[in-house]
């Protein structure tokens, strides 16, 4: 007798992104209750499972959904308004606009468009640092999309929400308490903006709160040389040195950017198990430089990929970030610096590990959450398919994503969004813009 399943994604070549990099030709992924039951040859699993829904992936590549490890989703509201400026000029403009424009309603409207863009790009989850995170979370939940978010801290009242630092600590404590029983594939998160917008004492307090609840702590660090110099003047240490001296480095800390690093700082990240979210497109566009990813990887640091916000990178295209990560590090003269497979892993399983969710997300294996995408291979720029890693890193575009599944639920089928009113979301954002 056949076993019941909610969904079979069958007939495509399945790139599992497991440790061995297994590729199942003409494979099937069986899903029940949002969990992957089995991955194997279509002929075998068709005999074993009877599903209420079948997604025919013949002629396609099936792979884990992409994990965006650093973004500011509601910044879609400001896309194109802060181009061709330095990081410091960018921050000056954006902080002013945020204070004028942000509200729960506006954040929700901007996030709905960001979710639509992400689903179309094959991104199934994102770590989102921004204000009014409750509004963002509701918008994502309504669409069935996986969003990792929580309270954000700066040493001033949050733009628009006006919650002072001391009140923010108690508010964040209540928020974390509400997440005590996180669903599979999720964990509580706290965001400390940076070492230049928070004092050392505040950073210690925020980290203690995160550890009390087993939360991931995410922070901007060493994004460019000017930031590093500013922190060094203020505190006598560079950002990563300061975090290390405060005892904040560790497996529950994820650094965004980490562009300007010394050898000892890289060693400290490796020693403590601290992870990095690499944002190559944003770093290049803002003139911040190129993060030392090959050295981080050689040292054993977990590195995921991020897009940053749509105002600094202008797009939430994770496949574009994969391509940039695979190419930009070759500029120093080593074509093997970051290979195609490594870049794809950074956008999938390594991103999940950076979030502390590698046991739940990032690869297509039995027992993990059913977050996956189907890439249409029919386009001329994707043929012939000699190597799926190479195709993904150097040839594929976000428009090649045909289907997107999160927690076993089809959010995009044949390039049509199924859980979100895309036209309505765009109209709402245009009205705000």
Foldseek 3Di string as FASTA:
>chain_A
DADEFAEKEFQDFEQFLDPVRDTAHRKIFTHHQQFTAAIHHRVVNVVHYDHPYYHYQHQWYKWFFFEAEAAAQLCLLVFPPQFPAAPVSSCVVVLVVLLVFDDLVSSLLSLLLSVLQSQLLRHQEYEHDDPNVVSSVVSCVLLVGHYAYAEEDFCAQHRPVRQHDVSSLVVRLVVLVVCLPPDAPYFHEYEYAFCLRDPLVSVLSRLVSCVVSVYAYEYEFCLAPVQQVNNCVVPVHGRLVSCVVSVNAALSYEYERQADDDPVSLLSNLVRQYAYEHAQQLSVRNVRHHRQVLSSVVSPHQYAYHNYYCRRNVHRNLLVRLQRVQPVVCVVPNNVSQHLSNSLQSRFQSSCSNNVNNQATRGRRGPHGPWMWIFNQPDPQNPPPPDVSCCSRHGDGSNRTQWTAGSNRTQHHRNRGDSHDNVVSVVVSVVSD
